[in-house]
Amino acid sequence: MQMIKKDMVKIKIKYLILVVFAFFTILSGSMLPVSASAEVYLGGMPAGFTIQTRGAYVMGVGEILSDNGLVSPAKDSQIEVGDIILSIDGDEVNSAKDVEKAIEKGGEKLVVLRRNGENVYKTIRPVKDAIGKYRLGLFLRDTINGIGTITYISNNIIASLGHPVLDERNELVEVKSGVICQSCVTGVTLGKRGVPGALHGTLFHNKNVATINKNTVYGVFATIDNNDFIKGLKKVEIGSAKIGDATIFTTISGDSPREYSISIVKADFNDDTNKGLVIKITDENLLNQTGGIVQGMSGSPIIQGGKLVGAVTHVFINDPTRGFGITIDNMLNHQ
């Protein structure tokens, strides 16, 4: 009888261990890396971005020539460069045209602004300019255009950049709508110590590829509108980065990516940001043509051992041959 009791205790302990193990496995499931057997379409090609922001971004504050001389309603109401106009008298604002419509009849207006992550309320009275049109004395921007690089395509989602689109105050741009279109790189400004270089290109607005639905710390993600875009693209497996030789796929001329050699000098998988990797460009051809990593190369996929392990995200300002990258797990887990 004593032996039976001991055996029962052992069985209960084993069962308890299995339950605890299963619990922690489930609990940590969200932290597990993406399966190495997963496959995605490889990017590296340039992408044009057109983003319609939520709100109208204040690019400048100026004066208006009125019957009473030069006046500035915006300055008088303490509206600042970098503010985002969200609404006027309760009507949502997402463009300069929305602002014009909201003030076309004049009168004092209640303006809701976004400033440093908080809502700010101001009253403003538009004035008539020399041609009799009401104005605030503001220079506004409602769209952002730029060029970047596609990292991969998976489950009808295009992942790009590996970092967010930020405004002039380094705040995350809130996307109202936007598209990714085909693009062609037409020139390069060489990167130098202290001065980041850049890719220059043409955006083909009549060749939209995808609709942007996310602007995140881990990249810009969009849903494909034209499945022809993925025809002929190479499929690659997902892998984990390690210190050592690797390559990047990027485009510095035209619209077709090429492979260039790099070295991964740091790989931190506990870094849940877009800077978990540190890379160094070693390809002499790429160094001669760009000086290293330049703006527009963000999102360029990093390949190691034939597998996709990350993407280029930032350049070191004081050393353009070096930069940060994001691990591919961080992109896939947040797409």
Protein backbone atom coordinates (compact mmCIF):
# COMPACT_ATOMS: atom_id res chain seq x y z
CA MET A 1 0.00 0.00 0.00
CA GLN A 2 2.92 2.34 0.84
CA MET A 3 4.51 1.65 -2.58
CA ILE A 4 1.24 2.45 -4.38
CA LYS A 5 0.98 5.81 -2.59
CA LYS A 6 4.56 6.69 -3.54
CA ASP A 7 3.88 5.81 -7.18
CA MET A 8 0.74 7.97 -7.14
CA VAL A 9 2.73 10.92 -5.74
CA LYS A 10 5.33 10.50 -8.51
CA ILE A 11 2.62 10.44 -11.18
CA LYS A 12 1.02 13.61 -9.75
CA ILE A 13 4.38 15.41 -9.70
CA LYS A 14 5.11 14.43 -13.31
CA TYR A 15 1.63 15.56 -14.32
CA LEU A 16 2.12 18.88 -12.51
CA ILE A 17 5.47 19.44 -14.26
CA LEU A 18 3.87 18.80 -17.66
CA VAL A 19 1.03 21.24 -16.89
CA VAL A 20 3.46 23.96 -15.77
CA PHE A 21 5.63 23.40 -18.85
CA ALA A 22 2.62 23.62 -21.13
CA PHE A 23 1.44 26.80 -19.38
CA PHE A 24 4.76 28.59 -19.84
CA THR A 25 5.00 27.37 -23.43
CA ILE A 26 1.62 28.94 -24.18
CA LEU A 27 2.47 32.08 -22.20
CA SER A 28 5.70 32.62 -24.12
CA GLY A 29 4.24 31.68 -27.49
CA SER A 30 4.06 35.30 -28.60
CA MET A 31 7.80 35.62 -27.98
CA LEU A 32 8.79 32.60 -30.03
CA PRO A 33 10.54 33.34 -33.34
CA VAL A 34 8.69 32.86 -36.61
CA SER A 35 9.09 29.35 -37.96
CA ALA A 36 12.29 28.97 -39.95
CA SER A 37 10.36 26.96 -42.55
CA ALA A 38 8.18 29.97 -43.47
CA GLU A 39 8.68 31.39 -46.95
CA VAL A 40 8.12 34.91 -48.29
CA TYR A 41 8.71 36.72 -51.57
CA LEU A 42 12.01 38.60 -51.52
CA GLY A 43 11.97 42.39 -51.99
CA GLY A 44 14.83 44.79 -52.62
CA MET A 45 13.03 46.84 -55.26
CA PRO A 46 12.31 50.56 -54.76
CA ALA A 47 8.85 51.68 -53.67
CA GLY A 48 7.20 55.06 -53.93
CA PHE A 49 5.12 56.17 -50.95
CA THR A 50 2.23 58.62 -51.01
CA ILE A 51 0.65 59.02 -47.57
CA GLN A 52 -2.46 61.04 -46.81
CA THR A 53 -1.99 62.07 -43.20
CA ARG A 54 -4.71 62.52 -40.61
CA GLY A 55 -4.96 66.25 -40.10
CA ALA A 56 -3.22 69.13 -41.92
CA TYR A 57 0.42 69.61 -40.92
CA VAL A 58 1.56 73.20 -40.34
CA MET A 59 4.70 73.74 -42.42
CA GLY A 60 4.92 77.48 -41.87
CA VAL A 61 3.22 80.55 -40.38
CA GLY A 62 3.04 83.68 -42.53
CA GLU A 63 1.36 87.03 -42.96
CA ILE A 64 -1.63 88.12 -45.05
CA LEU A 65 -1.98 91.41 -46.91
CA SER A 66 -5.37 92.69 -45.75
CA ASP A 67 -7.18 96.03 -45.72
CA ASN A 68 -5.48 96.67 -42.38
CA GLY A 69 -2.00 95.89 -43.66
CA LEU A 70 0.02 92.76 -42.92
CA VAL A 71 -1.62 90.51 -40.32
CA SER A 72 -1.15 86.93 -39.14
CA PRO A 73 -4.20 85.28 -37.50
CA ALA A 74 -2.23 82.06 -37.00
CA LYS A 75 0.63 83.80 -35.20
CA ASP A 76 -1.81 85.81 -33.08
CA SER A 77 -3.50 82.54 -32.05
CA GLN A 78 -0.12 80.95 -31.21
CA ILE A 79 -0.34 78.23 -33.84
CA GLU A 80 3.14 76.82 -34.39
CA VAL A 81 5.11 75.03 -37.08
CA GLY A 82 4.72 71.29 -36.48
CA ASP A 83 1.15 71.54 -35.20
CA ILE A 84 -1.40 69.28 -36.85
CA ILE A 85 -4.87 70.76 -37.39
CA LEU A 86 -7.42 68.05 -36.60
CA SER A 87 -10.68 69.99 -36.78
CA ILE A 88 -12.21 73.45 -37.14
CA ASP A 89 -15.53 74.13 -35.41
CA GLY A 90 -16.02 70.37 -35.07
CA ASP A 91 -15.48 69.57 -38.75
CA GLU A 92 -12.67 67.08 -39.39
CA VAL A 93 -9.68 68.46 -41.27
CA ASN A 94 -7.35 66.31 -43.38
CA SER A 95 -6.21 68.70 -46.10
CA ALA A 96 -5.62 72.34 -47.01
CA LYS A 97 -8.90 72.24 -48.94
CA ASP A 98 -10.74 71.17 -45.77
CA VAL A 99 -9.30 74.23 -44.00
CA GLU A 100 -10.34 76.55 -46.84
CA LYS A 101 -13.88 75.20 -46.74
CA ALA A 102 -14.11 75.50 -42.95
CA ILE A 103 -13.15 79.21 -42.94
CA GLU A 104 -14.71 80.37 -46.22
CA LYS A 105 -17.46 82.37 -44.43
CA GLY A 106 -15.17 83.95 -41.84
CA GLY A 107 -15.99 84.42 -38.16
CA GLU A 108 -14.20 83.18 -35.06
CA LYS A 109 -13.28 79.50 -35.25
CA LEU A 110 -12.37 76.86 -32.67
CA VAL A 111 -9.35 74.92 -33.87
CA VAL A 112 -8.25 71.58 -32.41
CA LEU A 113 -4.52 70.93 -32.86
CA ARG A 114 -2.27 67.98 -32.16
CA ARG A 115 0.96 69.16 -30.52
CA ASN A 116 3.59 66.92 -28.90
CA GLY A 117 1.08 64.08 -28.66
CA GLU A 118 -1.64 66.15 -26.97
CA ASN A 119 -4.73 68.01 -28.19
CA VAL A 120 -4.50 71.80 -27.97
CA TYR A 121 -7.48 74.15 -28.42
CA LYS A 122 -7.15 77.56 -30.04
CA THR A 123 -9.56 80.23 -31.28
CA ILE A 124 -8.74 82.02 -34.50
CA ARG A 125 -10.42 84.63 -36.67
CA PRO A 126 -9.65 84.41 -40.42
CA VAL A 127 -9.07 87.65 -42.30
CA LYS A 128 -9.74 88.57 -45.91
CA ASP A 129 -6.76 88.91 -48.20
CA ALA A 130 -6.37 91.39 -51.09
CA ILE A 131 -8.76 89.41 -53.30
CA GLY A 132 -11.42 89.00 -50.62
CA LYS A 133 -10.69 85.40 -49.63
CA TYR A 134 -10.55 84.38 -45.95
CA ARG A 135 -7.17 83.06 -44.84
CA LEU A 136 -5.32 82.06 -41.66
CA GLY A 137 -1.73 82.74 -42.68
CA LEU A 138 -0.71 79.09 -42.71
CA PHE A 139 1.34 76.92 -45.06
CA LEU A 140 -0.08 73.40 -44.83
CA ARG A 141 0.93 69.92 -45.94
CA ASP A 142 -1.52 67.06 -46.18
CA THR A 143 0.47 64.37 -48.02
CA ILE A 144 3.92 62.83 -47.66
CA ASN A 145 5.80 61.48 -50.67
CA GLY A 146 9.02 59.55 -50.59
CA ILE A 147 11.01 56.55 -51.71
CA GLY A 148 12.01 53.46 -49.76
CA THR A 149 12.66 49.76 -50.28
CA ILE A 150 10.36 46.73 -50.09
CA THR A 151 11.58 44.02 -47.72
CA TYR A 152 9.25 41.12 -48.47
CA ILE A 153 5.73 40.14 -49.54
CA SER A 154 3.81 37.64 -47.39
CA ASN A 155 0.12 36.72 -47.26
CA ASN A 156 -0.77 39.54 -49.66
CA ILE A 157 1.06 42.06 -47.42
CA ILE A 158 3.97 44.20 -48.57
CA ALA A 159 6.42 45.00 -45.76
CA SER A 160 8.82 47.90 -46.25
CA LEU A 161 11.22 50.36 -44.57
CA GLY A 162 11.63 48.47 -41.28
CA HIS A 163 11.04 51.75 -39.44
CA PRO A 164 8.16 54.24 -39.27
CA VAL A 165 7.48 57.34 -41.32
CA LEU A 166 7.98 60.27 -38.93
CA ASP A 167 7.10 63.94 -39.19
CA GLU A 168 9.49 66.84 -38.63
CA ARG A 169 9.02 66.51 -34.87
CA ASN A 170 10.02 62.83 -35.05
CA GLU A 171 6.48 61.78 -34.17
CA LEU A 172 4.77 58.81 -35.81
CA VAL A 173 2.71 59.97 -38.80
CA GLU A 174 -0.92 58.92 -38.45
CA VAL A 175 -2.02 57.53 -41.82
CA LYS A 176 -5.50 58.32 -43.07
CA SER A 177 -4.87 56.63 -46.40
CA GLY A 178 -1.96 55.95 -48.70
CA VAL A 179 -0.50 53.88 -51.50
CA ILE A 180 2.72 52.22 -52.54
CA CYS A 181 3.49 52.70 -56.21
CA GLN A 182 6.22 51.51 -58.52
CA SER A 183 9.34 53.64 -58.53
CA CYS A 184 12.65 54.04 -60.36
CA VAL A 185 15.92 55.20 -58.79
CA THR A 186 17.43 57.96 -60.95
CA GLY A 187 20.34 59.19 -58.86
CA VAL A 188 22.31 59.00 -55.60
CA THR A 189 23.68 61.62 -53.23
CA LEU A 190 26.85 60.11 -51.77
CA GLY A 191 26.80 59.53 -48.03
CA LYS A 192 29.63 61.15 -46.07
CA ARG A 193 30.64 61.32 -42.44
CA GLY A 194 28.14 63.65 -40.75
CA VAL A 195 26.02 64.04 -43.89
CA PRO A 196 23.61 61.21 -44.80
CA GLY A 197 23.27 60.40 -48.49
CA ALA A 198 20.03 59.67 -50.32
CA LEU A 199 18.49 57.86 -53.26
CA HIS A 200 16.53 60.00 -55.70
CA GLY A 201 13.79 58.57 -57.83
CA THR A 202 10.64 58.92 -59.86
CA LEU A 203 7.29 57.78 -58.47
CA PHE A 204 4.88 56.29 -60.98
CA HIS A 205 1.56 57.37 -59.46
CA ASN A 206 -0.37 55.61 -62.23
CA LYS A 207 1.16 52.27 -61.23
CA ASN A 208 -0.14 51.70 -57.71
CA VAL A 209 0.84 48.39 -56.17
CA ALA A 210 -0.68 48.35 -52.70
CA THR A 211 -2.84 50.25 -50.21
CA ILE A 212 -1.04 51.32 -47.03
CA ASN A 213 -2.79 50.23 -43.84
CA LYS A 214 -0.10 50.47 -41.14
CA ASN A 215 2.71 52.86 -40.23
CA THR A 216 4.49 51.27 -37.28
CA VAL A 217 7.81 51.25 -35.44
CA TYR A 218 8.57 48.05 -37.38
CA GLY A 219 7.83 49.37 -40.85
CA VAL A 220 5.11 50.41 -43.27
CA PHE A 221 2.72 47.62 -44.28
CA ALA A 222 0.33 47.60 -47.23
CA THR A 223 -2.18 45.24 -48.85
CA ILE A 224 -1.41 44.31 -52.45
CA ASP A 225 -3.87 45.65 -55.04
CA ASN A 226 -2.16 44.16 -58.09
CA ASN A 227 -1.11 40.50 -57.82
CA ASP A 228 0.90 40.81 -61.04
CA PHE A 229 3.51 42.62 -58.93
CA ILE A 230 4.70 39.37 -57.33
CA LYS A 231 5.04 37.45 -60.60
CA GLY A 232 8.61 36.32 -61.09
CA LEU A 233 9.72 37.25 -57.58
CA LYS A 234 12.00 34.84 -55.74
CA LYS A 235 10.81 32.99 -52.64
CA VAL A 236 13.12 32.68 -49.64
CA GLU A 237 12.94 31.02 -46.25
CA ILE A 238 12.99 32.94 -42.98
CA GLY A 239 16.09 32.56 -40.84
CA SER A 240 17.84 33.98 -37.77
CA ALA A 241 20.74 36.41 -38.08
CA LYS A 242 24.13 35.71 -36.58
CA ILE A 243 27.43 37.57 -36.53
CA GLY A 244 29.25 37.05 -39.82
CA ASP A 245 29.09 37.61 -43.56
CA ALA A 246 25.77 38.37 -45.23
CA THR A 247 24.33 40.30 -48.17
CA ILE A 248 21.66 42.90 -48.83
CA PHE A 249 19.35 43.23 -51.82
CA THR A 250 18.88 46.86 -52.76
CA THR A 251 18.40 49.11 -55.78
CA ILE A 252 20.66 52.09 -56.42
CA SER A 253 19.81 52.52 -60.10
CA GLY A 254 16.67 51.72 -62.09
CA ASP A 255 14.11 49.36 -60.56
CA SER A 256 15.91 46.01 -60.27
CA PRO A 257 17.71 45.08 -57.05
CA ARG A 258 21.25 43.73 -56.88
CA GLU A 259 23.07 41.79 -54.16
CA TYR A 260 25.86 43.45 -52.17
CA SER A 261 28.11 42.03 -49.45
CA ILE A 262 27.88 43.16 -45.83
CA SER A 263 28.91 41.94 -42.41
CA ILE A 264 26.57 41.53 -39.44
CA VAL A 265 28.59 42.73 -36.45
CA LYS A 266 25.85 42.52 -33.80
CA ALA A 267 22.63 40.52 -33.47
CA ASP A 268 20.41 41.09 -30.41
CA PHE A 269 17.19 39.04 -30.45
CA ASN A 270 16.02 40.51 -27.15
CA ASP A 271 15.85 43.94 -28.76
CA ASP A 272 12.18 44.51 -29.60
CA THR A 273 12.94 47.57 -31.74
CA ASN A 274 14.07 48.26 -35.29
CA LYS A 275 17.74 48.33 -34.24
CA GLY A 276 18.42 44.75 -33.17
CA LEU A 277 21.14 44.31 -35.80
CA VAL A 278 24.28 46.30 -36.53
CA ILE A 279 25.68 45.90 -40.03
CA LYS A 280 28.71 47.10 -41.98
CA ILE A 281 28.82 47.50 -45.77
CA THR A 282 31.84 45.65 -47.19
CA ASP A 283 30.99 45.67 -50.89
CA GLU A 284 33.47 48.00 -52.64
CA ASN A 285 31.12 48.61 -55.57
CA LEU A 286 28.32 49.77 -53.28
CA LEU A 287 30.71 51.90 -51.21
CA ASN A 288 32.03 53.61 -54.33
CA GLN A 289 28.54 54.42 -55.63
CA THR A 290 26.74 55.41 -52.40
CA GLY A 291 29.34 55.76 -49.66
CA GLY A 292 27.46 53.09 -47.69
CA ILE A 293 23.89 53.19 -46.40
CA VAL A 294 21.82 56.10 -47.70
CA GLN A 295 18.26 57.30 -47.21
CA GLY A 296 15.91 55.31 -49.41
CA MET A 297 17.71 52.02 -48.73
CA SER A 298 15.63 51.46 -45.59
CA GLY A 299 13.86 48.13 -45.90
CA SER A 300 16.55 46.49 -48.03
CA PRO A 301 16.39 42.79 -47.12
CA ILE A 302 19.35 41.16 -45.37
CA ILE A 303 20.16 37.63 -46.55
CA GLN A 304 22.38 35.19 -44.68
CA GLY A 305 22.86 31.55 -45.58
CA GLY A 306 20.27 31.94 -48.31
CA LYS A 307 17.59 33.00 -45.81
CA LEU A 308 15.93 36.33 -45.04
CA VAL A 309 17.09 37.42 -41.59
CA GLY A 310 16.38 41.16 -41.41
CA ALA A 311 16.25 44.53 -43.12
CA VAL A 312 18.34 47.71 -43.18
CA THR A 313 16.76 50.53 -41.13
CA HIS A 314 19.20 53.32 -40.20
CA VAL A 315 22.62 54.68 -41.06
CA PHE A 316 25.25 55.80 -38.54
CA ILE A 317 25.56 59.53 -39.24
CA ASN A 318 29.26 59.57 -38.37
CA ASP A 319 30.01 56.39 -40.33
CA PRO A 320 27.81 55.76 -43.40
CA THR A 321 29.43 52.35 -43.93
CA ARG A 322 27.61 51.15 -40.80
CA GLY A 323 24.00 51.10 -39.72
CA PHE A 324 21.20 49.37 -37.88
CA GLY A 325 18.87 46.65 -39.06
CA ILE A 326 15.68 45.06 -37.79
CA THR A 327 15.40 41.31 -37.26
CA ILE A 328 12.93 39.71 -39.64
CA ASP A 329 10.94 38.25 -36.74
CA ASN A 330 10.15 41.76 -35.51
CA MET A 331 8.73 42.70 -38.91
CA LEU A 332 6.75 39.50 -39.41
CA ASN A 333 5.31 39.56 -35.90
CA HIS A 334 3.96 43.10 -36.36
CA GLN A 335 2.77 43.11 -39.97
